[in-house]
Amino acid sequence: MLPTPGDRSPSSVKIAVVGGGSTYTPELIDGFARLRDALPVGELVLIDPATERLALVGALARRIFAAQGHPGRITWTDDLDAGLDGAHAVLLQLRVGGQAARNQDETWPLECGCVGQETTGAGGLAKALRTVPVVLDIAERVRRRCPDAWIVDFTNPVGIVTRALLTHGHKAVGLCNVAIGFQRKFAKLLGVAPERVELEHVGLNHLTWERAVRVDGTDVLPRLLAEHGDAIAADLRMPRALLDHLGVVPSYYLRYYYQHDAVVRELRTKPSRAAEVAALERRLLDLYADPSLTEKPALLSQRGGAYYSEAAVALTSALLSGGDPGGGGDGRAGSAGSGGDGTAGGARSGGDGTAGGARSGGDGTAGSAGGGGPAGGAVGTGGGSVSGRGAGGVAGAAGAVGAATASGLFSAGGAAGAGGVQVMNTFNAGTLPFLPDDAVVEVPAGVGPGGPSPLPLRPLPPLFAGLVANVTAYEHLALEAALKGGRDRVFSALLAHPLIGQIDYADRLADELIAHNREHLTWA
């Protein structure tokens, strides 16, 4: 049974973290420790096949809980089923193939003059093909071992992975840290407490725009751009003139689209981000081995995924309790999308874990989705259709939107950050009417035990809607390729992607993708 909304006892919640051996896990642990009034965790189990790494991370996690006086119990295991038993929520932060696969995702597309990035373009497709079958196998294990549990996905590419989970009928939401990162930066620039700032955040995962920034309900985006446009543009590494022209703040991932060729030239001149992270992780693991370390080290801030834990705690608390987790500016996770540090957004979905069969996470050795054990055959789960078993879920989500609006669940103006609202990835269900209902969008949504209910949004102008529609079509084809396999499906997805879109590029990239990922693709 899930804990009831009134059950706030320290033993009321069990959280399972798949990929718990990630070097980023101490950030999550720190959030659970600091925000224990919002989410009373009785047991937190870290699951990962990389046992040596897991032991280092798990021991540090225990020391963090003890140092902050958290009464909860931390355990770790490489047995997925045992770790899942009795969980109320399952957090996914895995990386199939580890940093080695990520390094390939970020390098071989550059040979064709295309951006190399772990969630965007050909590299993002490769990661989706490796990841979706493994995640679906884990989700089926969740369905068997803890059928009432919510799955919160931080695993990139979040939009495609979340769509796979939802269309196969799983209780799942996707989370990213872009929105919360903007909210915190804007609050600092404006000199106000973060919980007063609400964002009108709209688009797809890693393809979003902030169309309004409201402080106490008043849109201050024009003033923000006028007074701080240079600082915002510099942070995004985009021209100030572009922000003035758009009248919005684009996600920094839009740089791959708006400045593609310049980014390719830049990436060709320096080591990959994967190489940088791998070196950083070696230093972090050395720190984690120190038994005197009782807090997350400052070095971890270079790992990325800012405010990961605050958003994860806020969302998980809302999904399990259905109420405002309580809030304030002291970092105790306000509403599901606002108070204190519990604001919209989430992790950069990651950890850096690899997957060995269905036991995915950490940086353990990579196993193919179908090799060596329980993940085998996951590609065909649920009939292999992109619409799959999720059709009823789309209809249900659409009904929930209407019910939530009628009950006043949504904050005024459709901005993220207030009154039980958080930015997340979920079924479109009519939110953006030019997209299919079973597309997954990243938008503000009311959230409770019944799941997310996206807020109604203003129409999206063609300048943004065209790109959203194009990438949504690519994501549909990418999921088809991940579920059913085949070079033709890989080629189609690449041809549809707006950063590729040419026969010669798609043809060469399809061959390169398969060659570099053959060990992870059961059909290759």
Protein backbone atom coordinates (compact mmCIF):
# COMPACT_ATOMS: atom_id res chain seq x y z
CA MET A 1 0.00 0.00 0.00
CA LEU A 2 1.15 3.53 -0.70
CA PRO A 3 1.48 5.76 2.33
CA THR A 4 -1.66 7.77 2.95
CA PRO A 5 -1.46 11.56 2.71
CA GLY A 6 -1.49 11.81 6.49
CA ASP A 7 1.15 9.19 7.09
CA ARG A 8 4.28 11.23 7.73
CA SER A 9 6.06 8.73 9.97
CA PRO A 10 9.77 8.17 9.26
CA SER A 11 9.07 4.62 8.14
CA SER A 12 6.31 5.50 5.69
CA VAL A 13 8.17 5.65 2.35
CA LYS A 14 10.57 3.32 0.55
CA ILE A 15 12.46 4.74 -2.42
CA ALA A 16 14.44 2.58 -4.87
CA VAL A 17 17.11 4.23 -7.01
CA VAL A 18 18.07 2.21 -10.09
CA GLY A 19 21.54 3.35 -11.06
CA GLY A 20 22.29 4.14 -7.44
CA GLY A 21 26.03 3.69 -7.99
CA SER A 22 26.16 6.90 -10.00
CA THR A 23 28.65 9.49 -8.79
CA TYR A 24 25.71 11.90 -8.77
CA THR A 25 23.75 9.91 -6.19
CA PRO A 26 25.16 11.89 -3.20
CA GLU A 27 23.35 14.95 -4.56
CA LEU A 28 20.11 13.01 -4.43
CA ILE A 29 20.89 11.68 -0.95
CA ASP A 30 21.65 15.17 0.30
CA GLY A 31 18.25 16.33 -0.94
CA PHE A 32 16.42 13.48 0.76
CA ALA A 33 18.27 14.30 3.98
CA ARG A 34 17.65 18.06 3.91
CA LEU A 35 14.04 17.82 2.73
CA ARG A 36 12.93 15.01 5.03
CA ASP A 37 9.88 16.97 6.22
CA ALA A 38 8.60 16.98 2.63
CA LEU A 39 9.28 13.31 2.01
CA PRO A 40 9.71 11.04 5.07
CA VAL A 41 11.91 8.30 3.67
CA GLY A 42 12.06 5.20 5.86
CA GLU A 43 14.25 3.20 3.49
CA LEU A 44 16.28 4.22 0.48
CA VAL A 45 17.78 1.36 -1.51
CA LEU A 46 20.47 1.92 -4.14
CA ILE A 47 20.47 -0.66 -6.96
CA ASP A 48 23.42 -1.12 -9.28
CA PRO A 49 25.44 -3.93 -10.87
CA ALA A 50 28.77 -2.14 -10.22
CA THR A 51 29.22 -3.49 -6.70
CA GLU A 52 32.55 -1.85 -5.80
CA ARG A 53 31.38 1.56 -6.93
CA LEU A 54 28.00 1.01 -5.29
CA ALA A 55 29.64 0.24 -1.95
CA LEU A 56 31.56 3.54 -2.05
CA VAL A 57 28.48 5.56 -2.91
CA GLY A 58 26.27 3.67 -0.45
CA ALA A 59 28.68 4.17 2.46
CA LEU A 60 28.86 7.90 1.75
CA ALA A 61 25.06 8.04 1.52
CA ARG A 62 24.81 6.52 4.99
CA ARG A 63 27.27 9.04 6.37
CA ILE A 64 25.31 11.94 4.83
CA PHE A 65 22.07 10.71 6.41
CA ALA A 66 23.77 10.23 9.77
CA ALA A 67 25.44 13.65 9.70
CA GLN A 68 22.12 15.35 9.03
CA GLY A 69 20.26 13.31 11.63
CA HIS A 70 18.00 11.52 9.16
CA PRO A 71 16.45 8.42 10.77
CA GLY A 72 15.97 6.56 7.50
CA ARG A 73 17.83 3.42 6.52
CA ILE A 74 20.07 3.24 3.43
CA THR A 75 20.82 -0.11 1.82
CA TRP A 76 22.32 -1.19 -1.48
CA THR A 77 22.16 -4.24 -3.69
CA ASP A 78 22.92 -5.55 -7.16
CA ASP A 79 19.70 -7.60 -7.08
CA LEU A 80 17.08 -5.57 -8.92
CA ASP A 81 14.05 -7.58 -7.76
CA ALA A 82 15.10 -7.55 -4.11
CA GLY A 83 15.71 -3.82 -4.23
CA LEU A 84 12.34 -3.10 -5.82
CA ASP A 85 10.25 -5.12 -3.35
CA GLY A 86 7.88 -2.86 -1.46
CA ALA A 87 9.04 0.40 -3.06
CA HIS A 88 6.61 3.31 -3.27
CA ALA A 89 8.65 5.13 -5.90
CA VAL A 90 11.41 4.00 -8.27
CA LEU A 91 13.87 6.58 -9.57
CA LEU A 92 15.68 5.71 -12.81
CA GLN A 93 19.11 7.28 -13.37
CA LEU A 94 20.96 4.83 -15.57
CA ARG A 95 23.34 5.06 -18.48
CA VAL A 96 23.53 2.00 -20.72
CA GLY A 97 27.13 1.67 -21.88
CA GLY A 98 28.50 4.20 -19.39
CA GLN A 99 30.75 7.10 -20.28
CA ALA A 100 32.44 5.03 -22.99
CA ALA A 101 29.20 4.86 -24.98
CA ARG A 102 28.52 8.51 -24.26
CA ASN A 103 31.94 9.41 -25.62
CA GLN A 104 31.05 7.65 -28.86
CA ASP A 105 27.69 9.45 -29.03
CA GLU A 106 29.54 12.74 -28.76
CA THR A 107 32.28 12.03 -31.31
CA TRP A 108 31.34 9.88 -34.31
CA PRO A 109 28.51 12.19 -35.51
CA LEU A 110 31.08 14.98 -35.79
CA GLU A 111 32.79 13.03 -38.55
CA CYS A 112 29.70 13.67 -40.67
CA GLY A 113 29.52 17.35 -39.73
CA CYS A 114 26.62 16.75 -37.33
CA VAL A 115 26.44 17.70 -33.69
CA GLY A 116 27.64 15.06 -31.25
CA GLN A 117 25.50 15.15 -28.11
CA GLU A 118 24.06 12.50 -25.81
CA THR A 119 20.41 13.55 -26.18
CA THR A 120 20.29 15.44 -29.47
CA GLY A 121 20.79 14.27 -33.05
CA ALA A 122 22.39 10.96 -33.97
CA GLY A 123 24.05 10.54 -30.56
CA GLY A 124 20.72 11.01 -28.84
CA LEU A 125 19.16 8.39 -31.09
CA ALA A 126 21.95 5.94 -30.25
CA LYS A 127 21.34 6.48 -26.55
CA ALA A 128 17.61 5.94 -27.02
CA LEU A 129 18.17 2.67 -28.87
CA ARG A 130 20.44 1.38 -26.12
CA THR A 131 18.26 2.61 -23.28
CA VAL A 132 14.60 2.05 -24.09
CA PRO A 133 14.64 -1.80 -24.06
CA VAL A 134 16.52 -1.88 -20.76
CA VAL A 135 14.22 0.67 -19.12
CA LEU A 136 11.12 -1.20 -20.28
CA ASP A 137 12.48 -4.42 -18.81
CA ILE A 138 13.11 -2.66 -15.49
CA ALA A 139 9.60 -1.20 -15.61
CA GLU A 140 8.09 -4.65 -16.10
CA ARG A 141 9.99 -5.79 -13.03
CA VAL A 142 8.58 -2.79 -11.16
CA ARG A 143 5.09 -3.80 -12.27
CA ARG A 144 5.61 -7.25 -10.80
CA ARG A 145 7.46 -6.38 -7.59
CA CYS A 146 5.80 -3.09 -6.57
CA PRO A 147 2.82 -2.51 -8.87
CA ASP A 148 1.61 0.63 -7.08
CA ALA A 149 4.97 2.39 -7.33
CA TRP A 150 5.54 5.49 -9.41
CA ILE A 151 8.49 5.50 -11.80
CA VAL A 152 10.29 8.85 -11.97
CA ASP A 153 12.62 8.89 -14.98
CA PHE A 154 15.78 10.99 -15.01
CA THR A 155 17.34 8.85 -17.73
CA ASN A 156 18.15 10.57 -21.01
CA PRO A 157 16.72 11.04 -23.55
CA VAL A 158 13.92 11.78 -21.09
CA GLY A 159 11.20 12.52 -23.63
CA ILE A 160 11.66 9.29 -25.60
CA VAL A 161 12.19 7.14 -22.51
CA THR A 162 9.12 8.57 -20.79
CA ARG A 163 7.04 8.04 -23.92
CA ALA A 164 8.16 4.41 -24.00
CA LEU A 165 7.14 3.94 -20.36
CA LEU A 166 3.76 5.62 -20.75
CA THR A 167 2.80 3.88 -23.98
CA HIS A 168 3.48 0.56 -22.26
CA GLY A 169 1.08 1.43 -19.49
CA HIS A 170 3.52 2.22 -16.70
CA LYS A 171 2.92 4.77 -13.93
CA ALA A 172 5.70 7.12 -14.94
CA VAL A 173 6.73 10.73 -15.27
CA GLY A 174 9.90 12.26 -16.67
CA LEU A 175 11.93 14.99 -15.02
CA CYS A 176 14.61 17.44 -16.22
CA ASN A 177 16.49 20.23 -14.45
CA VAL A 178 16.26 22.94 -17.13
CA ALA A 179 13.19 24.64 -15.66
CA ILE A 180 14.38 24.68 -12.07
CA GLY A 181 17.76 25.95 -13.22
CA PHE A 182 16.14 28.90 -14.98
CA GLN A 183 13.87 29.61 -12.02
CA ARG A 184 16.83 29.83 -9.66
CA LYS A 185 18.90 31.98 -12.01
CA PHE A 186 16.03 34.37 -12.66
CA ALA A 187 15.24 34.65 -8.94
CA LYS A 188 18.87 35.59 -8.25
CA LEU A 189 18.92 38.18 -11.05
CA LEU A 190 15.66 39.69 -9.80
CA GLY A 191 16.68 39.60 -6.16
CA VAL A 192 13.62 37.66 -5.03
CA ALA A 193 13.05 34.35 -3.26
CA PRO A 194 12.81 31.42 -5.71
CA GLU A 195 9.35 30.41 -4.52
CA ARG A 196 7.96 33.72 -5.81
CA VAL A 197 9.08 32.96 -9.39
CA GLU A 198 6.85 30.99 -11.75
CA LEU A 199 7.79 29.94 -15.26
CA GLU A 200 5.67 29.41 -18.33
CA HIS A 201 7.85 26.62 -19.66
CA VAL A 202 6.76 24.85 -22.84
CA GLY A 203 8.06 22.41 -25.43
CA LEU A 204 9.71 19.00 -25.46
CA ASN A 205 12.50 17.72 -23.28
CA HIS A 206 15.66 19.65 -24.16
CA LEU A 207 13.61 21.75 -26.61
CA THR A 208 11.84 24.35 -24.48
CA TRP A 209 11.27 28.07 -24.11
CA GLU A 210 10.40 30.25 -21.12
CA ARG A 211 7.51 32.34 -22.42
CA ALA A 212 6.77 34.14 -19.16
CA VAL A 213 8.53 34.70 -15.85
CA ARG A 214 6.04 35.69 -13.19
CA VAL A 215 6.85 37.14 -9.81
CA ASP A 216 3.83 37.06 -7.53
CA GLY A 217 1.68 36.54 -10.63
CA THR A 218 3.05 39.44 -12.70
CA ASP A 219 5.01 38.68 -15.87
CA VAL A 220 8.43 40.33 -15.56
CA LEU A 221 10.08 38.65 -18.56
CA PRO A 222 10.29 41.88 -20.61
CA ARG A 223 12.01 43.64 -17.69
CA LEU A 224 14.24 40.64 -17.08
CA LEU A 225 15.43 40.69 -20.69
CA ALA A 226 15.86 44.46 -20.73
CA GLU A 227 17.88 44.59 -17.52
CA HIS A 228 19.69 41.26 -17.60
CA GLY A 229 19.58 40.15 -21.24
CA ASP A 230 23.36 40.30 -21.65
CA ALA A 231 23.95 38.03 -18.65
CA ILE A 232 21.28 35.55 -19.73
CA ALA A 233 22.59 35.46 -23.30
CA ALA A 234 26.15 34.91 -22.09
CA ASP A 235 25.01 32.06 -19.86
CA LEU A 236 23.20 30.46 -22.81
CA ARG A 237 26.11 31.25 -25.16
CA MET A 238 23.63 32.75 -27.61
CA PRO A 239 23.53 36.27 -29.10
CA ARG A 240 21.64 38.85 -27.07
CA ALA A 241 19.94 39.95 -30.27
CA LEU A 242 18.36 36.51 -30.64
CA LEU A 243 16.73 36.72 -27.20
CA ASP A 244 15.39 40.18 -28.03
CA HIS A 245 14.02 38.90 -31.33
CA LEU A 246 12.37 35.82 -29.82
CA GLY A 247 11.04 37.64 -26.77
CA VAL A 248 11.54 34.45 -24.76
CA VAL A 249 14.41 32.60 -23.09
CA PRO A 250 15.27 29.40 -24.98
CA SER A 251 16.77 26.37 -23.30
CA TYR A 252 20.52 26.17 -23.77
CA TYR A 253 19.88 22.98 -25.76
CA LEU A 254 18.37 25.18 -28.49
CA ARG A 255 21.92 26.24 -29.25
CA TYR A 256 22.34 22.92 -31.06
CA TYR A 257 19.56 24.00 -33.43
CA TYR A 258 20.05 27.77 -33.68
CA GLN A 259 23.86 27.58 -33.96
CA HIS A 260 24.45 24.04 -35.17
CA ASP A 261 27.45 24.58 -37.44
CA ALA A 262 29.22 26.81 -34.92
CA VAL A 263 28.71 24.18 -32.21
CA VAL A 264 30.12 21.46 -34.48
CA ARG A 265 33.25 23.53 -35.10
CA GLU A 266 33.62 24.12 -31.38
CA LEU A 267 33.14 20.46 -30.43
CA ARG A 268 35.80 19.38 -32.92
CA THR A 269 38.43 21.43 -31.07
CA LYS A 270 38.10 20.05 -27.54
CA PRO A 271 37.66 16.80 -25.58
CA SER A 272 34.17 15.40 -25.33
CA ARG A 273 32.03 16.12 -22.30
CA ALA A 274 32.10 12.37 -21.62
CA ALA A 275 35.89 12.50 -21.31
CA GLU A 276 35.63 15.42 -18.92
CA VAL A 277 33.01 13.65 -16.80
CA ALA A 278 34.99 10.40 -16.73
CA ALA A 279 38.00 12.25 -15.32
CA LEU A 280 35.77 14.06 -12.83
CA GLU A 281 34.23 10.80 -11.70
CA ARG A 282 37.60 9.30 -10.91
CA ARG A 283 38.30 12.23 -8.60
CA LEU A 284 34.86 11.98 -7.02
CA LEU A 285 35.22 8.28 -6.29
CA ASP A 286 38.53 8.97 -4.57
CA LEU A 287 36.75 11.50 -2.36
CA TYR A 288 33.86 9.13 -1.67
CA ALA A 289 36.32 6.52 -0.38
CA ASP A 290 37.36 8.84 2.46
CA PRO A 291 35.46 7.65 5.57
CA SER A 292 35.64 11.15 7.06
CA LEU A 293 33.56 12.64 4.23
CA THR A 294 30.01 13.23 5.51
CA GLU A 295 28.59 15.60 2.90
CA LYS A 296 28.45 15.89 -0.86
CA PRO A 297 31.78 17.38 -1.98
CA ALA A 298 31.95 20.76 -3.69
CA LEU A 299 33.52 19.05 -6.70
CA LEU A 300 30.18 17.36 -7.40
CA SER A 301 28.76 20.70 -8.57
CA GLN A 302 30.88 20.33 -11.72
CA ARG A 303 29.06 17.12 -12.56
CA GLY A 304 25.92 18.90 -13.84
CA GLY A 305 22.28 18.37 -12.93
CA ALA A 306 21.87 21.36 -10.62
CA TYR A 307 18.90 21.19 -8.22
CA TYR A 308 18.30 17.56 -9.15
CA SER A 309 17.44 16.49 -5.62
CA GLU A 310 15.08 19.34 -4.77
CA ALA A 311 12.90 18.71 -7.80
CA ALA A 312 13.00 14.93 -7.32
CA VAL A 313 11.89 15.21 -3.70
CA ALA A 314 9.12 17.66 -4.57
CA LEU A 315 7.74 15.52 -7.38
CA THR A 316 7.99 12.24 -5.51
CA SER A 317 6.34 13.75 -2.44
CA ALA A 318 3.47 15.08 -4.54
CA LEU A 319 2.97 11.75 -6.31
CA LEU A 320 2.86 9.85 -3.03
CA SER A 321 1.00 12.27 -0.78
CA GLY A 322 -1.12 14.26 -3.17
CA GLY A 323 -0.72 17.41 -1.15
CA ASP A 324 1.47 20.47 -1.08
CA PRO A 325 4.62 19.11 0.53
CA GLY A 326 4.83 22.27 2.56
CA GLY A 327 7.11 25.07 1.72
CA GLY A 328 9.24 27.97 2.40
CA GLY A 329 12.41 29.59 1.34
CA ASP A 330 14.59 27.43 3.56
CA GLY A 331 14.91 24.69 0.97
CA ARG A 332 12.17 22.44 2.28
CA ALA A 333 10.52 21.69 -1.03
CA GLY A 334 7.51 23.93 -1.25
CA SER A 335 4.71 22.86 -3.55
CA ALA A 336 5.40 20.24 -6.15
CA GLY A 337 6.75 23.00 -8.30
CA SER A 338 7.56 25.91 -6.10
CA GLY A 339 8.40 26.56 -2.48
CA GLY A 340 11.93 26.73 -1.28
CA ASP A 341 14.06 24.46 -3.37
CA GLY A 342 11.22 22.18 -4.39
CA THR A 343 10.61 23.86 -7.66
CA ALA A 344 9.95 22.89 -11.21
CA GLY A 345 12.48 20.74 -12.88
CA GLY A 346 14.56 17.77 -12.07
CA ALA A 347 17.72 16.02 -12.90
CA ARG A 348 19.67 16.02 -16.04
CA SER A 349 18.41 12.52 -15.98
CA GLY A 350 21.39 10.66 -15.64
CA GLY A 351 23.76 9.26 -13.23
CA ASP A 352 26.34 7.61 -15.25
CA GLY A 353 25.43 4.08 -14.75
CA THR A 354 25.63 1.41 -17.27
CA ALA A 355 23.33 -1.49 -17.65
CA GLY A 356 24.07 -5.13 -17.33
CA GLY A 357 20.87 -6.74 -18.50
CA ALA A 358 18.04 -5.27 -16.48
CA ARG A 359 20.29 -4.29 -13.61
CA SER A 360 21.13 -0.87 -14.90
CA GLY A 361 23.16 1.85 -13.32
CA GLY A 362 26.47 2.82 -11.91
CA ASP A 363 29.40 2.56 -14.21
CA GLY A 364 29.50 -1.20 -14.18
CA THR A 365 30.16 -3.22 -17.24
CA ALA A 366 27.71 -2.80 -20.04
CA GLY A 367 25.35 -5.58 -20.97
CA SER A 368 23.21 -5.56 -24.08
CA ALA A 369 19.48 -5.10 -23.67
CA GLY A 370 19.01 -8.69 -24.53
CA GLY A 371 22.27 -10.23 -23.45
CA GLY A 372 23.11 -12.13 -20.36
CA GLY A 373 19.84 -12.09 -18.58
CA PRO A 374 16.54 -10.52 -17.78
CA ALA A 375 16.51 -7.67 -20.24
CA GLY A 376 16.38 -10.10 -23.14
CA GLY A 377 13.31 -9.74 -25.28
CA ALA A 378 12.38 -6.35 -23.87
CA VAL A 379 12.22 -4.83 -27.33
CA GLY A 380 8.98 -6.61 -28.04
CA THR A 381 7.33 -5.85 -24.70
CA GLY A 382 3.81 -4.56 -24.96
CA GLY A 383 3.30 -5.53 -28.54
CA GLY A 384 6.03 -3.29 -29.91
CA SER A 385 3.63 -0.52 -30.92
CA VAL A 386 4.44 3.08 -30.12
CA SER A 387 0.83 3.61 -29.13
CA GLY A 388 0.81 0.27 -27.33
CA ARG A 389 -1.11 -0.02 -24.09
CA GLY A 390 -0.91 3.67 -23.40
CA ALA A 391 -3.94 4.75 -25.40
CA GLY A 392 -6.19 4.48 -22.41
CA GLY A 393 -3.65 6.42 -20.41
CA VAL A 394 -3.79 9.31 -22.88
CA ALA A 395 -7.54 9.49 -22.61
CA GLY A 396 -7.30 9.31 -18.86
CA ALA A 397 -4.77 12.11 -18.77
CA ALA A 398 -6.97 14.27 -20.94
CA GLY A 399 -9.88 13.74 -18.57
CA ALA A 400 -7.71 14.55 -15.60
CA VAL A 401 -6.77 17.90 -17.12
CA GLY A 402 -10.37 18.94 -17.29
CA ALA A 403 -11.13 17.70 -13.79
CA ALA A 404 -8.11 19.44 -12.31
CA THR A 405 -8.92 22.72 -14.04
CA ALA A 406 -12.48 22.61 -12.78
CA SER A 407 -11.30 21.96 -9.24
CA GLY A 408 -8.91 24.89 -9.28
CA LEU A 409 -5.79 22.76 -8.99
CA PHE A 410 -3.88 24.84 -11.50
CA SER A 411 -2.28 28.13 -10.62
CA ALA A 412 -3.44 31.18 -12.52
CA GLY A 413 -1.82 31.84 -15.84
CA GLY A 414 -0.48 28.37 -16.43
CA ALA A 415 2.97 29.08 -15.05
CA ALA A 416 5.14 26.52 -13.38
CA GLY A 417 6.01 26.97 -9.78
CA ALA A 418 2.95 27.39 -7.61
CA GLY A 419 0.13 25.47 -6.01
CA GLY A 420 1.06 21.83 -6.61
CA VAL A 421 2.43 22.49 -10.10
CA GLN A 422 5.73 21.23 -11.47
CA VAL A 423 7.35 21.07 -14.89
CA MET A 424 7.57 17.46 -16.03
CA ASN A 425 7.42 15.17 -19.04
CA THR A 426 4.07 13.51 -19.62
CA PHE A 427 1.50 12.71 -22.31
CA ASN A 428 0.49 15.69 -24.42
CA ALA A 429 -3.21 14.74 -24.20
CA GLY A 430 -4.32 17.84 -26.13
CA THR A 431 -2.04 20.29 -24.30
CA LEU A 432 -0.37 21.28 -27.58
CA PRO A 433 -3.21 20.63 -30.04
CA PHE A 434 -0.95 20.33 -33.08
CA LEU A 435 0.76 17.25 -31.57
CA PRO A 436 -0.62 13.70 -31.16
CA ASP A 437 -2.13 12.96 -27.78
CA ASP A 438 0.49 10.27 -27.09
CA ALA A 439 3.41 12.59 -27.73
CA VAL A 440 5.33 13.46 -24.57
CA VAL A 441 5.70 17.16 -23.78
CA GLU A 442 7.59 19.06 -21.10
CA VAL A 443 5.15 21.49 -19.54
CA PRO A 444 3.79 22.63 -16.16
CA ALA A 445 1.36 20.13 -14.71
CA GLY A 446 -0.66 19.72 -11.57
CA VAL A 447 0.48 16.61 -9.76
CA GLY A 448 -0.97 14.24 -7.17
CA PRO A 449 -1.39 10.51 -6.54
CA GLY A 450 -3.32 10.19 -9.80
CA GLY A 451 -0.34 11.51 -11.72
CA PRO A 452 0.27 14.69 -13.71
CA SER A 453 -2.41 16.85 -15.29
CA PRO A 454 -0.89 19.34 -17.75
CA LEU A 455 -2.03 22.93 -17.49
CA PRO A 456 -3.78 24.57 -20.43
CA LEU A 457 -1.30 26.63 -22.45
CA ARG A 458 -1.46 29.59 -24.78
CA PRO A 459 -1.11 28.68 -28.48
CA LEU A 460 2.51 28.17 -29.48
CA PRO A 461 3.63 30.50 -32.32
CA PRO A 462 4.76 28.88 -35.60
CA LEU A 463 8.40 29.81 -34.95
CA PHE A 464 8.41 27.38 -32.02
CA ALA A 465 5.58 25.03 -32.97
CA GLY A 466 7.24 24.04 -36.25
CA LEU A 467 10.40 22.84 -34.53
CA VAL A 468 8.40 21.08 -31.79
CA ALA A 469 6.32 19.24 -34.38
CA ASN A 470 9.42 18.22 -36.35
CA VAL A 471 11.26 16.85 -33.32
CA THR A 472 8.09 15.09 -32.10
CA ALA A 473 7.91 13.26 -35.43
CA TYR A 474 11.56 12.26 -35.02
CA GLU A 475 10.89 11.01 -31.47
CA HIS A 476 8.00 8.87 -32.75
CA LEU A 477 10.30 7.26 -35.31
CA ALA A 478 13.13 6.94 -32.77
CA LEU A 479 10.86 5.03 -30.41
CA GLU A 480 9.73 2.77 -33.25
CA ALA A 481 13.39 2.00 -33.97
CA ALA A 482 14.11 1.35 -30.28
CA LEU A 483 11.14 -1.00 -29.92
CA LYS A 484 11.34 -2.89 -33.22
CA GLY A 485 14.91 -2.46 -34.42
CA GLY A 486 16.15 -2.52 -38.01
CA ARG A 487 18.43 -0.30 -40.03
CA ASP A 488 15.54 1.09 -42.07
CA ARG A 489 13.87 2.43 -38.93
CA VAL A 490 17.16 3.96 -37.76
CA PHE A 491 17.60 5.61 -41.16
CA SER A 492 14.04 6.99 -41.09
CA ALA A 493 14.50 8.51 -37.65
CA LEU A 494 17.76 10.17 -38.70
CA LEU A 495 16.26 11.45 -41.94
CA ALA A 496 13.40 13.01 -39.97
CA HIS A 497 15.65 14.79 -37.48
CA PRO A 498 15.93 18.53 -38.28
CA LEU A 499 19.67 18.50 -37.52
CA ILE A 500 20.30 15.75 -40.10
CA GLY A 501 17.57 15.52 -42.72
CA GLN A 502 19.73 14.64 -45.74
CA ILE A 503 19.96 11.24 -47.39
CA ASP A 504 23.74 11.02 -47.44
CA TYR A 505 24.07 12.06 -43.79
CA ALA A 506 21.29 9.76 -42.60
CA ASP A 507 22.71 6.84 -44.58
CA ARG A 508 26.22 7.19 -43.21
CA LEU A 509 25.07 7.94 -39.65
CA ALA A 510 22.81 4.89 -39.61
CA ASP A 511 25.77 2.64 -40.40
CA GLU A 512 27.99 4.40 -37.88
CA LEU A 513 25.35 4.20 -35.15
CA ILE A 514 24.84 0.46 -35.62
CA ALA A 515 28.58 -0.23 -35.82
CA HIS A 516 29.29 1.64 -32.58
CA ASN A 517 26.37 0.12 -30.67
CA ARG A 518 26.14 -3.42 -31.99
CA GLU A 519 26.78 -4.99 -28.57
CA HIS A 520 23.74 -3.18 -27.17
CA LEU A 521 21.33 -3.86 -30.04
CA THR A 522 19.89 -7.37 -30.05
CA TRP A 523 18.70 -7.04 -33.64
CA ALA A 524 22.00 -5.74 -35.09
